[in-house]
Protein backbone atom coordinates (compact mmCIF):
# COMPACT_ATOMS: atom_id res chain seq x y z
CA UNK A 1 6.53 23.95 202.80
CA UNK A 2 5.71 27.68 202.94
CA UNK A 3 8.03 28.36 200.02
CA UNK A 4 6.35 25.61 197.98
CA UNK A 5 2.90 27.11 198.70
CA UNK A 6 4.18 30.56 197.72
CA UNK A 7 5.55 29.17 194.44
CA UNK A 8 2.27 27.36 193.70
CA UNK A 9 0.25 30.50 194.43
CA UNK A 10 2.54 32.54 192.14
CA UNK A 11 2.14 29.91 189.41
CA UNK A 12 -1.64 30.07 189.76
CA UNK A 13 -1.60 33.87 189.49
CA UNK A 14 0.65 33.72 186.45
CA UNK A 15 -1.68 31.19 184.84
CA UNK A 16 -4.66 33.43 185.67
CA UNK A 17 -2.96 36.40 184.00
CA UNK A 18 -2.38 34.35 180.87
CA UNK A 19 -5.91 32.98 180.77
CA UNK A 20 -7.43 36.44 181.23
CA UNK A 21 -5.16 38.00 178.63
CA UNK A 22 -5.85 35.24 176.11
CA UNK A 23 -9.55 34.69 176.56
CA UNK A 24 -11.03 37.28 178.87
CA UNK A 25 -12.95 36.62 182.02
CA UNK A 26 -14.74 33.53 180.74
CA UNK A 27 -11.38 31.79 180.25
CA UNK A 28 -10.54 32.05 183.95
CA UNK A 29 -11.87 28.82 185.40
CA UNK A 30 -10.52 26.56 188.09
CA UNK A 31 -10.21 23.62 185.67
CA UNK A 32 -8.18 25.84 183.32
CA UNK A 33 -5.99 27.03 186.21
CA UNK A 34 -5.46 23.42 187.26
CA UNK A 35 -4.54 22.40 183.73
CA UNK A 36 -2.09 25.29 183.27
CA UNK A 37 -0.33 24.64 186.56
CA UNK A 38 -0.49 20.86 186.67
CA UNK A 39 -2.45 20.95 189.93
CA UNK A 40 -5.58 19.03 190.69
CA UNK A 41 -8.70 21.17 190.50
CA UNK A 42 -9.35 20.56 194.20
CA UNK A 43 -5.85 21.91 194.94
CA UNK A 44 -6.69 25.20 193.27
CA UNK A 45 -9.46 25.64 195.86
CA UNK A 46 -6.84 25.32 198.60
CA UNK A 47 -5.29 28.55 197.35
CA UNK A 48 -8.36 30.52 196.26
CA UNK A 49 -11.99 30.20 197.34
CA UNK A 50 -13.38 31.69 194.10
CA UNK A 51 -12.54 33.31 190.79
CA UNK A 52 -13.19 36.66 192.44
CA UNK A 53 -10.49 35.87 195.01
CA UNK A 54 -8.02 35.17 192.20
CA UNK A 55 -8.95 38.45 190.54
CA UNK A 56 -8.63 40.42 193.77
CA UNK A 57 -5.17 39.03 194.38
CA UNK A 58 -4.11 39.79 190.80
CA UNK A 59 -5.21 43.39 191.22
CA UNK A 60 -3.45 43.67 194.57
CA UNK A 61 -0.24 42.29 193.06
CA UNK A 62 -0.22 43.92 189.64
CA UNK A 63 -1.70 47.38 190.04
CA UNK A 64 1.08 48.73 192.29
CA UNK A 65 3.70 47.53 189.80
CA UNK A 66 1.85 49.17 186.92
CA UNK A 67 1.37 52.41 188.88
CA UNK A 68 5.05 52.38 189.83
CA UNK A 69 6.01 52.16 186.18
CA UNK A 70 3.79 55.13 185.32
CA UNK A 71 5.20 57.13 188.22
CA UNK A 72 8.79 56.31 187.24
CA UNK A 73 8.12 57.42 183.66
CA UNK A 74 6.68 60.69 184.91
CA UNK A 75 9.62 61.33 187.25
CA UNK A 76 12.05 60.80 184.38
CA UNK A 77 10.46 63.65 182.41
CA UNK A 78 11.89 67.17 182.63
CA UNK A 79 8.86 69.45 182.49
CA UNK A 80 5.26 69.29 183.69
CA UNK A 81 4.03 68.89 180.11
CA UNK A 82 6.48 66.07 179.53
CA UNK A 83 5.32 64.39 182.75
CA UNK A 84 1.73 64.51 181.49
CA UNK A 85 2.84 63.09 178.14
CA UNK A 86 4.77 60.34 179.97
CA UNK A 87 1.64 59.52 182.00
CA UNK A 88 -0.36 59.06 178.81
CA UNK A 89 2.32 57.23 176.83
CA UNK A 90 3.30 54.88 179.64
CA UNK A 91 -0.28 53.81 180.28
CA UNK A 92 -0.82 53.18 176.59
CA UNK A 93 2.40 51.17 176.41
CA UNK A 94 1.32 49.14 179.42
CA UNK A 95 -2.10 48.50 177.86
CA UNK A 96 -0.52 45.79 175.72
CA UNK A 97 1.00 44.13 178.77
CA UNK A 98 -0.86 41.03 179.95
CA UNK A 99 -1.10 42.45 183.49
CA UNK A 100 -3.21 45.29 182.13
CA UNK A 101 -5.24 43.08 179.82
CA UNK A 102 -6.00 40.86 182.79
CA UNK A 103 -7.19 43.80 184.90
CA UNK A 104 -9.36 45.06 182.03
CA UNK A 105 -10.81 41.60 181.49
CA UNK A 106 -11.84 41.35 185.11
CA UNK A 107 -12.88 44.91 185.79
CA UNK A 108 -16.41 44.24 184.62
CA UNK A 109 -16.63 40.92 186.36
CA UNK A 110 -17.66 39.37 189.58
CA UNK A 111 -15.77 41.47 192.12
CA UNK A 112 -16.92 42.14 195.63
CA UNK A 113 -17.79 45.70 196.58
CA UNK A 114 -14.61 45.80 198.67
CA UNK A 115 -12.45 44.69 195.75
CA UNK A 116 -14.05 47.25 193.45
CA UNK A 117 -13.37 49.94 196.04
CA UNK A 118 -9.71 48.90 196.36
CA UNK A 119 -9.34 49.06 192.58
CA UNK A 120 -10.99 52.49 192.49
CA UNK A 121 -8.69 53.71 195.27
CA UNK A 122 -5.60 52.39 193.48
CA UNK A 123 -6.73 54.02 190.25
CA UNK A 124 -7.36 57.24 192.16
CA UNK A 125 -3.80 57.22 193.46
CA UNK A 126 -2.61 57.03 189.86
CA UNK A 127 -4.76 60.01 188.90
CA UNK A 128 -3.32 61.93 191.87
CA UNK A 129 -0.01 61.98 190.01
CA UNK A 130 -1.66 64.11 187.35
CA UNK A 131 -3.48 66.33 189.87
CA UNK A 132 -0.12 67.50 191.22
CA UNK A 133 1.30 68.23 187.79
CA UNK A 134 -1.81 70.14 186.71
CA UNK A 135 -1.54 72.15 189.92
CA UNK A 136 2.04 73.06 188.96
CA UNK A 137 0.75 74.21 185.59
CA UNK A 138 -1.83 76.48 187.22
CA UNK A 139 -4.85 74.50 186.03
CA UNK A 140 -8.02 76.00 187.56
CA UNK A 141 -9.42 72.60 188.64
CA UNK A 142 -6.59 70.04 188.74
CA UNK A 143 -8.77 67.18 190.02
CA UNK A 144 -11.32 67.57 187.23
CA UNK A 145 -8.52 68.02 184.70
CA UNK A 146 -6.81 64.84 185.90
CA UNK A 147 -10.05 62.88 185.58
CA UNK A 148 -10.47 64.14 182.04
CA UNK A 149 -6.86 63.28 181.18
CA UNK A 150 -7.54 59.76 182.44
CA UNK A 151 -10.70 59.68 180.32
CA UNK A 152 -8.60 60.40 177.23
CA UNK A 153 -6.18 57.64 178.28
CA UNK A 154 -9.04 55.18 178.78
CA UNK A 155 -10.50 56.03 175.37
CA UNK A 156 -7.08 55.75 173.74
CA UNK A 157 -6.53 52.33 175.34
CA UNK A 158 -9.83 51.12 173.92
CA UNK A 159 -8.92 52.52 170.50
CA UNK A 160 -5.42 51.02 170.61
CA UNK A 161 -6.93 47.62 171.42
CA UNK A 162 -8.75 47.78 168.07
CA UNK A 163 -5.34 48.10 166.41
CA UNK A 164 -6.76 49.81 163.33
CA UNK A 165 -5.21 53.27 163.59
CA UNK A 166 -3.24 54.19 160.45
CA UNK A 167 -0.68 56.98 160.47
CA UNK A 168 0.27 58.64 163.76
CA UNK A 169 -0.18 56.39 166.73
CA UNK A 170 -3.07 56.52 169.14
CA UNK A 171 -0.56 57.62 171.79
CA UNK A 172 0.52 60.61 169.65
CA UNK A 173 -3.10 61.69 169.20
CA UNK A 174 -3.89 61.23 172.89
CA UNK A 175 -0.83 63.18 174.03
CA UNK A 176 -1.60 66.01 171.62
CA UNK A 177 -5.23 66.15 172.75
CA UNK A 178 -4.31 66.08 176.44
CA UNK A 179 -1.58 68.70 176.19
CA UNK A 180 -3.78 71.07 174.28
CA UNK A 181 -6.65 70.46 176.68
CA UNK A 182 -4.74 71.03 179.93
CA UNK A 183 -3.68 74.53 179.07
CA UNK A 184 -4.98 76.94 181.71
CA UNK A 185 -5.40 79.57 178.99
CA UNK A 186 -8.80 80.02 177.37
């Protein structure tokens, strides 16, 4: 019985990811979840009390995986500059992944203060990866620098979602901008 409930919950989360990726926050409804999973609408309420609860569980499940992928990409790089480039490129590559699209779709939605704080904390742990690298590079304010690097990533993700960039990729531009901007030299 417990295994069946676990499988149903996983199916509901997978359906929620798809709905969010396809249609944004407004697409995530209990009737749509029920339809996608073949469950009765009342059964969906047995697993989640609200849309916000679905979203919170998606974030709890997906963000650590995403962060782990970014961290692994950074660890595979040979130099501090290459680790920064990997941080940027990996996040931009993940931006097309439905896990990321789902998190973006819900980030502006109906989350509790606690859920928003957990997301902020998880995001902060990702930025900490860059703080350490900037410290290695002798950056005068690694925490500020890391926040600005993430700002470039966030802007590049929004630009990449428009899918209108001719020539060099958004990732190439973002990496170039970040690497030139993190130099501790004036």
